[in-house]
Amino acid sequence: MNVYVHKTFTIYHPFGALLVVASCAPYRDIEVKDITIDNYYMQGSKVTLDFSATVNNPNRAFMLSAAAGELNIGTQPFASAQLLQAIQVPAKSEQRCSGQLQITINDLVTALQMGFNAKSWDLSSMLFTGDLQVRSAWFKKKFRYNEVPLSQVVNNIR
């Protein structure tokens, strides 16, 4: 073995082992609670929701960088949804985080039955089919959901 390669391996090998051990650190579940719709704007069939939630993150910081999908009420297609801005979640803390979501309503009859006050909508009755993308440092993970209650999607970010 070349002397240069041997010295380089000897110097960097412990750092590589340390990175592997650090990446295997135990992961604890993230808890999302007290989701509220703080404000909403309605223009035609588009509703922009400003929302916030208390997030207990015992792990390293992460960012919900993208979310898009379809919302159904039962088997009935209701709307499409897209996250408008990334949501930063600080490390090892319990803090209030906020974001903005744009919902395009496809079924106006169902929306009329639910009422125009988006704050009164039962989000647990809506089923989400789509993708969420989470980033942490150099890591990126995509979550795919198929007809999962919207309230569970938020609590399953891992």
N, C-alpha and C. Protein backbone atom coordinates (compact mmCIF):
# COMPACT_ATOMS: atom_id res chain seq x y z
N MET A 1 0.85 -1.18 0.00
CA MET A 1 0.00 0.00 0.00
C MET A 1 0.89 1.24 0.00
N ASN A 2 0.52 2.20 -0.75
CA ASN A 2 1.25 3.45 -0.84
C ASN A 2 1.26 4.11 0.54
N VAL A 3 2.37 4.71 0.93
CA VAL A 3 2.50 5.36 2.24
C VAL A 3 1.50 6.50 2.39
N TYR A 4 1.31 7.28 1.33
CA TYR A 4 0.38 8.40 1.37
C TYR A 4 -1.05 7.89 1.61
N VAL A 5 -1.46 6.86 0.89
CA VAL A 5 -2.80 6.29 1.05
C VAL A 5 -2.95 5.73 2.46
N HIS A 6 -1.94 5.07 2.97
CA HIS A 6 -1.99 4.49 4.31
C HIS A 6 -2.16 5.58 5.38
N LYS A 7 -1.40 6.68 5.26
CA LYS A 7 -1.52 7.79 6.23
C LYS A 7 -2.89 8.43 6.14
N THR A 8 -3.37 8.64 4.93
CA THR A 8 -4.68 9.26 4.75
C THR A 8 -5.76 8.37 5.37
N PHE A 9 -5.68 7.07 5.12
CA PHE A 9 -6.65 6.13 5.67
C PHE A 9 -6.60 6.13 7.19
N THR A 10 -5.40 6.17 7.75
CA THR A 10 -5.23 6.16 9.20
C THR A 10 -5.79 7.43 9.84
N ILE A 11 -5.64 8.55 9.17
CA ILE A 11 -6.13 9.82 9.72
C ILE A 11 -7.64 9.93 9.60
N TYR A 12 -8.21 9.57 8.44
CA TYR A 12 -9.64 9.79 8.20
C TYR A 12 -10.53 8.63 8.65
N HIS A 13 -9.97 7.48 8.88
CA HIS A 13 -10.77 6.33 9.28
C HIS A 13 -11.54 6.58 10.59
N PRO A 14 -10.93 7.12 11.64
CA PRO A 14 -11.69 7.39 12.87
C PRO A 14 -12.83 8.39 12.66
N PHE A 15 -12.63 9.37 11.79
CA PHE A 15 -13.69 10.35 11.53
C PHE A 15 -14.86 9.70 10.80
N GLY A 16 -14.55 8.81 9.88
CA GLY A 16 -15.59 8.08 9.17
C GLY A 16 -16.40 7.22 10.11
N ALA A 17 -15.72 6.54 11.03
CA ALA A 17 -16.40 5.70 12.02
C ALA A 17 -17.29 6.56 12.92
N LEU A 18 -16.80 7.73 13.29
CA LEU A 18 -17.58 8.64 14.13
C LEU A 18 -18.84 9.09 13.41
N LEU A 19 -18.74 9.40 12.12
CA LEU A 19 -19.92 9.80 11.35
C LEU A 19 -20.94 8.68 11.26
N VAL A 20 -20.48 7.46 11.07
CA VAL A 20 -21.40 6.33 11.00
C VAL A 20 -22.12 6.15 12.33
N VAL A 21 -21.40 6.24 13.43
CA VAL A 21 -22.02 6.09 14.75
C VAL A 21 -22.99 7.23 15.03
N ALA A 22 -22.63 8.45 14.65
CA ALA A 22 -23.51 9.60 14.88
C ALA A 22 -24.78 9.49 14.06
N SER A 23 -24.68 8.95 12.86
CA SER A 23 -25.87 8.84 12.02
C SER A 23 -26.81 7.75 12.53
N CYS A 24 -26.32 6.86 13.38
CA CYS A 24 -27.14 5.79 13.94
C CYS A 24 -27.72 6.18 15.30
N ALA A 25 -27.62 7.45 15.66
CA ALA A 25 -28.14 7.90 16.94
C ALA A 25 -29.63 7.61 17.02
N PRO A 26 -30.15 7.32 18.20
CA PRO A 26 -31.57 6.97 18.31
C PRO A 26 -32.46 8.13 17.88
N TYR A 27 -33.50 7.78 17.17
CA TYR A 27 -34.46 8.76 16.70
C TYR A 27 -35.69 8.70 17.60
N ARG A 28 -36.19 9.85 17.97
CA ARG A 28 -37.42 9.93 18.76
C ARG A 28 -38.51 10.54 17.93
N ASP A 29 -39.74 10.11 18.14
CA ASP A 29 -40.86 10.59 17.35
C ASP A 29 -41.10 12.08 17.56
N ILE A 30 -41.53 12.71 16.50
CA ILE A 30 -41.88 14.13 16.52
C ILE A 30 -43.37 14.22 16.82
N GLU A 31 -43.74 15.10 17.73
CA GLU A 31 -45.15 15.26 18.09
C GLU A 31 -45.65 16.60 17.58
N VAL A 32 -46.77 16.56 16.87
CA VAL A 32 -47.41 17.77 16.37
C VAL A 32 -48.78 17.84 17.03
N LYS A 33 -49.06 18.98 17.67
CA LYS A 33 -50.34 19.12 18.37
C LYS A 33 -50.87 20.54 18.23
N ASP A 34 -52.10 20.70 18.59
CA ASP A 34 -52.74 22.01 18.62
C ASP A 34 -52.62 22.73 17.27
N ILE A 35 -53.07 22.06 16.20
CA ILE A 35 -53.07 22.68 14.87
C ILE A 35 -54.23 23.64 14.78
N THR A 36 -53.95 24.86 14.39
CA THR A 36 -55.00 25.86 14.26
C THR A 36 -54.88 26.57 12.91
N ILE A 37 -56.02 26.98 12.38
CA ILE A 37 -56.06 27.81 11.19
C ILE A 37 -56.15 29.24 11.69
N ASP A 38 -55.07 30.00 11.48
CA ASP A 38 -54.99 31.35 12.01
C ASP A 38 -55.71 32.37 11.14
N ASN A 39 -55.68 32.15 9.84
CA ASN A 39 -56.31 33.07 8.92
C ASN A 39 -56.53 32.33 7.61
N TYR A 40 -57.46 32.81 6.82
CA TYR A 40 -57.66 32.23 5.50
C TYR A 40 -58.13 33.30 4.54
N TYR A 41 -57.79 33.10 3.29
CA TYR A 41 -58.17 34.02 2.22
C TYR A 41 -58.81 33.16 1.13
N MET A 42 -59.97 33.58 0.66
CA MET A 42 -60.67 32.82 -0.36
C MET A 42 -60.84 33.68 -1.59
N GLN A 43 -60.41 33.14 -2.73
CA GLN A 43 -60.57 33.85 -3.99
C GLN A 43 -61.01 32.82 -5.02
N GLY A 44 -62.28 32.87 -5.37
CA GLY A 44 -62.84 31.87 -6.27
C GLY A 44 -62.79 30.50 -5.63
N SER A 45 -62.17 29.54 -6.32
CA SER A 45 -62.10 28.18 -5.79
C SER A 45 -60.79 27.93 -5.04
N LYS A 46 -59.97 28.97 -4.83
CA LYS A 46 -58.70 28.82 -4.12
C LYS A 46 -58.81 29.40 -2.71
N VAL A 47 -58.34 28.60 -1.76
CA VAL A 47 -58.31 29.03 -0.36
C VAL A 47 -56.86 28.96 0.09
N THR A 48 -56.35 30.07 0.63
CA THR A 48 -55.01 30.09 1.20
C THR A 48 -55.17 30.11 2.71
N LEU A 49 -54.61 29.07 3.36
CA LEU A 49 -54.72 28.94 4.81
C LEU A 49 -53.39 29.28 5.47
N ASP A 50 -53.44 30.17 6.45
CA ASP A 50 -52.29 30.39 7.34
C ASP A 50 -52.56 29.53 8.56
N PHE A 51 -51.67 28.60 8.85
CA PHE A 51 -51.89 27.69 9.96
C PHE A 51 -50.67 27.67 10.87
N SER A 52 -50.88 27.17 12.07
CA SER A 52 -49.76 27.00 13.01
C SER A 52 -50.02 25.75 13.84
N ALA A 53 -48.94 25.24 14.40
CA ALA A 53 -49.03 24.04 15.24
C ALA A 53 -47.87 24.05 16.22
N THR A 54 -48.06 23.41 17.34
CA THR A 54 -46.99 23.23 18.30
C THR A 54 -46.26 21.94 17.93
N VAL A 55 -44.95 22.05 17.71
CA VAL A 55 -44.15 20.91 17.28
C VAL A 55 -43.10 20.61 18.35
N ASN A 56 -43.14 19.38 18.87
CA ASN A 56 -42.14 18.92 19.83
C ASN A 56 -41.15 18.06 19.05
N ASN A 57 -39.96 18.58 18.83
CA ASN A 57 -38.94 17.90 18.04
C ASN A 57 -37.73 17.60 18.93
N PRO A 58 -37.59 16.35 19.43
CA PRO A 58 -36.44 16.01 20.26
C PRO A 58 -35.20 15.65 19.45
N ASN A 59 -35.27 15.76 18.14
CA ASN A 59 -34.18 15.39 17.24
C ASN A 59 -33.48 16.63 16.69
N ARG A 60 -32.68 16.45 15.67
CA ARG A 60 -32.01 17.58 15.02
C ARG A 60 -33.01 18.40 14.21
N ALA A 61 -32.64 19.61 13.86
CA ALA A 61 -33.52 20.51 13.12
C ALA A 61 -33.85 19.91 11.76
N PHE A 62 -35.05 20.22 11.28
CA PHE A 62 -35.44 19.79 9.94
C PHE A 62 -36.36 20.83 9.33
N MET A 63 -36.64 20.64 8.03
CA MET A 63 -37.49 21.56 7.31
C MET A 63 -38.47 20.75 6.47
N LEU A 64 -39.75 21.07 6.59
CA LEU A 64 -40.74 20.50 5.68
C LEU A 64 -40.66 21.37 4.44
N SER A 65 -40.00 20.88 3.40
CA SER A 65 -39.68 21.72 2.24
C SER A 65 -40.74 21.69 1.16
N ALA A 66 -41.53 20.63 1.07
CA ALA A 66 -42.56 20.55 0.04
C ALA A 66 -43.67 19.61 0.48
N ALA A 67 -44.86 19.91 0.05
CA ALA A 67 -46.02 19.04 0.28
C ALA A 67 -47.04 19.34 -0.80
N ALA A 68 -47.53 18.30 -1.43
CA ALA A 68 -48.55 18.47 -2.47
C ALA A 68 -49.35 17.18 -2.57
N GLY A 69 -50.63 17.33 -2.86
CA GLY A 69 -51.45 16.14 -3.02
C GLY A 69 -52.91 16.47 -3.19
N GLU A 70 -53.70 15.44 -3.10
CA GLU A 70 -55.15 15.54 -3.26
C GLU A 70 -55.84 15.26 -1.94
N LEU A 71 -56.95 15.95 -1.71
CA LEU A 71 -57.76 15.73 -0.50
C LEU A 71 -59.10 15.16 -0.92
N ASN A 72 -59.50 14.09 -0.25
CA ASN A 72 -60.80 13.47 -0.48
C ASN A 72 -61.59 13.52 0.81
N ILE A 73 -62.90 13.59 0.67
CA ILE A 73 -63.78 13.42 1.81
C ILE A 73 -64.51 12.12 1.54
N GLY A 74 -64.11 11.08 2.26
CA GLY A 74 -64.56 9.73 1.94
C GLY A 74 -63.93 9.33 0.62
N THR A 75 -64.75 8.91 -0.33
CA THR A 75 -64.24 8.57 -1.66
C THR A 75 -64.40 9.72 -2.65
N GLN A 76 -64.99 10.80 -2.20
CA GLN A 76 -65.28 11.95 -3.06
C GLN A 76 -64.08 12.88 -3.16
N PRO A 77 -63.51 13.09 -4.37
CA PRO A 77 -62.42 14.08 -4.51
C PRO A 77 -62.93 15.47 -4.13
N PHE A 78 -62.17 16.12 -3.28
CA PHE A 78 -62.59 17.42 -2.78
C PHE A 78 -61.71 18.56 -3.28
N ALA A 79 -60.40 18.41 -3.12
CA ALA A 79 -59.50 19.53 -3.44
C ALA A 79 -58.08 19.03 -3.65
N SER A 80 -57.26 19.90 -4.21
CA SER A 80 -55.82 19.66 -4.26
C SER A 80 -55.16 20.67 -3.33
N ALA A 81 -54.03 20.28 -2.74
CA ALA A 81 -53.37 21.13 -1.76
C ALA A 81 -51.88 21.20 -2.05
N GLN A 82 -51.29 22.35 -1.72
CA GLN A 82 -49.86 22.54 -1.92
C GLN A 82 -49.33 23.49 -0.85
N LEU A 83 -48.21 23.10 -0.25
CA LEU A 83 -47.53 23.95 0.73
C LEU A 83 -46.88 25.11 -0.02
N LEU A 84 -47.10 26.33 0.42
CA LEU A 84 -46.58 27.50 -0.29
C LEU A 84 -45.21 27.94 0.18
N GLN A 85 -44.86 27.62 1.43
CA GLN A 85 -43.54 28.01 1.94
C GLN A 85 -43.02 26.92 2.85
N ALA A 86 -41.72 26.75 2.87
CA ALA A 86 -41.10 25.73 3.71
C ALA A 86 -41.30 26.08 5.18
N ILE A 87 -41.38 25.03 6.00
CA ILE A 87 -41.58 25.21 7.44
C ILE A 87 -40.33 24.72 8.16
N GLN A 88 -39.68 25.62 8.90
CA GLN A 88 -38.48 25.30 9.67
C GLN A 88 -38.88 24.80 11.06
N VAL A 89 -38.31 23.68 11.47
CA VAL A 89 -38.56 23.14 12.81
C VAL A 89 -37.23 23.04 13.54
N PRO A 90 -37.03 23.84 14.59
CA PRO A 90 -35.75 23.85 15.31
C PRO A 90 -35.48 22.53 16.05
N ALA A 91 -34.22 22.29 16.34
CA ALA A 91 -33.79 21.07 17.01
C ALA A 91 -34.11 21.11 18.50
N LYS A 92 -34.39 19.95 19.05
CA LYS A 92 -34.53 19.73 20.49
C LYS A 92 -35.32 20.82 21.19
N SER A 93 -36.55 21.03 20.68
CA SER A 93 -37.38 22.07 21.28
C SER A 93 -38.85 21.76 21.04
N GLU A 94 -39.68 22.47 21.76
CA GLU A 94 -41.12 22.47 21.51
C GLU A 94 -41.50 23.90 21.21
N GLN A 95 -41.83 24.17 19.96
CA GLN A 95 -42.12 25.53 19.53
C GLN A 95 -43.33 25.56 18.61
N ARG A 96 -43.88 26.73 18.50
CA ARG A 96 -45.00 26.97 17.59
C ARG A 96 -44.41 27.24 16.21
N CYS A 97 -44.82 26.48 15.21
CA CYS A 97 -44.36 26.65 13.83
C CYS A 97 -45.56 27.01 12.97
N SER A 98 -45.34 27.80 11.96
CA SER A 98 -46.45 28.20 11.10
C SER A 98 -46.10 28.00 9.64
N GLY A 99 -47.14 27.92 8.83
CA GLY A 99 -46.95 27.73 7.40
C GLY A 99 -48.15 28.24 6.63
N GLN A 100 -48.08 28.09 5.33
CA GLN A 100 -49.15 28.56 4.46
C GLN A 100 -49.45 27.48 3.43
N LEU A 101 -50.71 27.16 3.28
CA LEU A 101 -51.16 26.09 2.42
C LEU A 101 -52.19 26.65 1.45
N GLN A 102 -52.06 26.28 0.18
CA GLN A 102 -53.06 26.69 -0.80
C GLN A 102 -53.89 25.48 -1.19
N ILE A 103 -55.19 25.62 -1.06
CA ILE A 103 -56.12 24.56 -1.41
C ILE A 103 -56.96 25.04 -2.58
N THR A 104 -57.00 24.24 -3.63
CA THR A 104 -57.86 24.52 -4.78
C THR A 104 -59.03 23.55 -4.70
N ILE A 105 -60.21 24.10 -4.50
CA ILE A 105 -61.40 23.28 -4.30
C ILE A 105 -61.92 22.83 -5.65
N ASN A 106 -62.05 21.51 -5.79
CA ASN A 106 -62.55 20.92 -7.03
C ASN A 106 -64.05 20.69 -6.98
N ASP A 107 -64.58 20.46 -5.79
CA ASP A 107 -65.99 20.16 -5.61
C ASP A 107 -66.63 21.27 -4.77
N LEU A 108 -67.16 22.28 -5.45
CA LEU A 108 -67.74 23.43 -4.74
C LEU A 108 -69.00 23.07 -3.97
N VAL A 109 -69.75 22.05 -4.41
CA VAL A 109 -70.97 21.64 -3.70
C VAL A 109 -70.62 21.13 -2.31
N THR A 110 -69.57 20.29 -2.22
CA THR A 110 -69.14 19.79 -0.92
C THR A 110 -68.63 20.93 -0.05
N ALA A 111 -67.91 21.87 -0.66
CA ALA A 111 -67.42 23.03 0.10
C ALA A 111 -68.57 23.85 0.66
N LEU A 112 -69.63 24.01 -0.12
CA LEU A 112 -70.81 24.74 0.38
C LEU A 112 -71.45 23.99 1.55
N GLN A 113 -71.50 22.66 1.46
CA GLN A 113 -72.07 21.87 2.55
C GLN A 113 -71.23 22.00 3.83
N MET A 114 -69.91 22.10 3.66
CA MET A 114 -69.01 22.23 4.81
C MET A 114 -69.06 23.63 5.40
N GLY A 115 -69.45 24.61 4.61
CA GLY A 115 -69.50 26.00 5.05
C GLY A 115 -68.27 26.75 4.60
N PHE A 116 -68.38 28.05 4.52
CA PHE A 116 -67.27 28.87 4.03
C PHE A 116 -66.24 29.17 5.10
N ASN A 117 -66.56 28.89 6.35
CA ASN A 117 -65.61 29.15 7.42
C ASN A 117 -64.62 27.99 7.50
N ALA A 118 -63.44 28.17 6.89
CA ALA A 118 -62.43 27.10 6.85
C ALA A 118 -61.97 26.70 8.25
N LYS A 119 -62.10 27.59 9.22
CA LYS A 119 -61.68 27.26 10.58
C LYS A 119 -62.56 26.17 11.19
N SER A 120 -63.77 26.01 10.69
CA SER A 120 -64.68 25.02 11.25
C SER A 120 -64.60 23.67 10.52
N TRP A 121 -63.79 23.55 9.50
CA TRP A 121 -63.68 22.29 8.76
C TRP A 121 -63.06 21.21 9.64
N ASP A 122 -63.59 20.02 9.55
CA ASP A 122 -63.06 18.87 10.29
C ASP A 122 -61.94 18.25 9.46
N LEU A 123 -60.69 18.60 9.76
CA LEU A 123 -59.55 18.15 8.97
C LEU A 123 -59.31 16.65 9.12
N SER A 124 -59.79 16.04 10.21
CA SER A 124 -59.57 14.60 10.39
C SER A 124 -60.45 13.78 9.45
N SER A 125 -61.50 14.38 8.88
CA SER A 125 -62.36 13.65 7.94
C SER A 125 -61.82 13.70 6.51
N MET A 126 -60.78 14.51 6.28
CA MET A 126 -60.19 14.62 4.94
C MET A 126 -59.07 13.60 4.78
N LEU A 127 -59.07 12.89 3.66
CA LEU A 127 -58.04 11.91 3.36
C LEU A 127 -57.04 12.51 2.38
N PHE A 128 -55.75 12.32 2.67
CA PHE A 128 -54.67 12.91 1.87
C PHE A 128 -53.98 11.82 1.05
N THR A 129 -53.81 12.09 -0.23
CA THR A 129 -53.00 11.25 -1.11
C THR A 129 -51.99 12.17 -1.77
N GLY A 130 -50.72 11.96 -1.47
CA GLY A 130 -49.70 12.85 -2.03
C GLY A 130 -48.35 12.62 -1.40
N ASP A 131 -47.48 13.62 -1.53
CA ASP A 131 -46.09 13.54 -1.07
C ASP A 131 -45.74 14.69 -0.14
N LEU A 132 -44.90 14.37 0.85
CA LEU A 132 -44.26 15.38 1.71
C LEU A 132 -42.76 15.18 1.59
N GLN A 133 -42.01 16.27 1.58
CA GLN A 133 -40.56 16.17 1.52
C GLN A 133 -39.95 16.88 2.71
N VAL A 134 -39.09 16.15 3.45
CA VAL A 134 -38.45 16.67 4.65
C VAL A 134 -36.94 16.72 4.40
N ARG A 135 -36.31 17.81 4.83
CA ARG A 135 -34.86 17.95 4.70
C ARG A 135 -34.26 18.23 6.06
N SER A 136 -33.09 17.61 6.28
CA SER A 136 -32.33 17.84 7.50
C SER A 136 -30.86 17.79 7.13
N ALA A 137 -30.19 18.90 7.27
CA ALA A 137 -28.78 19.01 6.88
C ALA A 137 -28.63 18.58 5.42
N TRP A 138 -27.90 17.48 5.19
CA TRP A 138 -27.69 17.03 3.82
C TRP A 138 -28.69 15.95 3.41
N PHE A 139 -29.56 15.55 4.32
CA PHE A 139 -30.46 14.45 4.05
C PHE A 139 -31.82 14.96 3.60
N LYS A 140 -32.40 14.23 2.67
CA LYS A 140 -33.72 14.56 2.16
C LYS A 140 -34.53 13.26 2.12
N LYS A 141 -35.77 13.32 2.60
CA LYS A 141 -36.61 12.13 2.60
C LYS A 141 -38.00 12.50 2.11
N LYS A 142 -38.53 11.67 1.25
CA LYS A 142 -39.87 11.89 0.71
C LYS A 142 -40.81 10.86 1.32
N PHE A 143 -41.96 11.33 1.77
CA PHE A 143 -42.99 10.47 2.33
C PHE A 143 -44.16 10.43 1.35
N ARG A 144 -44.63 9.25 1.03
CA ARG A 144 -45.79 9.09 0.15
C ARG A 144 -46.96 8.58 0.97
N TYR A 145 -48.12 9.18 0.76
CA TYR A 145 -49.32 8.81 1.49
C TYR A 145 -50.42 8.47 0.50
N ASN A 146 -51.24 7.48 0.87
CA ASN A 146 -52.36 7.09 0.03
C ASN A 146 -53.61 6.99 0.90
N GLU A 147 -54.48 7.95 0.76
CA GLU A 147 -55.75 8.04 1.49
C GLU A 147 -55.58 7.88 2.99
N VAL A 148 -54.75 8.74 3.56
CA VAL A 148 -54.49 8.75 4.99
C VAL A 148 -55.19 9.98 5.57
N PRO A 149 -55.87 9.85 6.73
CA PRO A 149 -56.49 11.04 7.34
C PRO A 149 -55.45 12.15 7.52
N LEU A 150 -55.84 13.36 7.17
CA LEU A 150 -54.94 14.50 7.20
C LEU A 150 -54.31 14.69 8.57
N SER A 151 -55.04 14.43 9.62
CA SER A 151 -54.49 14.59 10.97
C SER A 151 -53.35 13.60 11.23
N GLN A 152 -53.40 12.40 10.65
CA GLN A 152 -52.33 11.42 10.82
C GLN A 152 -51.10 11.77 10.01
N VAL A 153 -51.29 12.39 8.85
CA VAL A 153 -50.15 12.77 8.01
C VAL A 153 -49.23 13.67 8.78
N VAL A 154 -49.76 14.63 9.47
CA VAL A 154 -48.96 15.59 10.22
C VAL A 154 -48.19 14.90 11.33
N ASN A 155 -48.79 13.93 12.00
CA ASN A 155 -48.12 13.25 13.11
C ASN A 155 -47.18 12.14 12.67
N ASN A 156 -47.12 11.82 11.38
CA ASN A 156 -46.25 10.74 10.92
C ASN A 156 -44.99 11.23 10.24
N ILE A 157 -44.63 12.47 10.37
CA ILE A 157 -43.39 12.98 9.78
C ILE A 157 -42.23 12.44 10.62
N ARG A 158 -41.39 11.63 10.01
CA ARG A 158 -40.27 11.02 10.74
C ARG A 158 -39.03 11.10 9.93
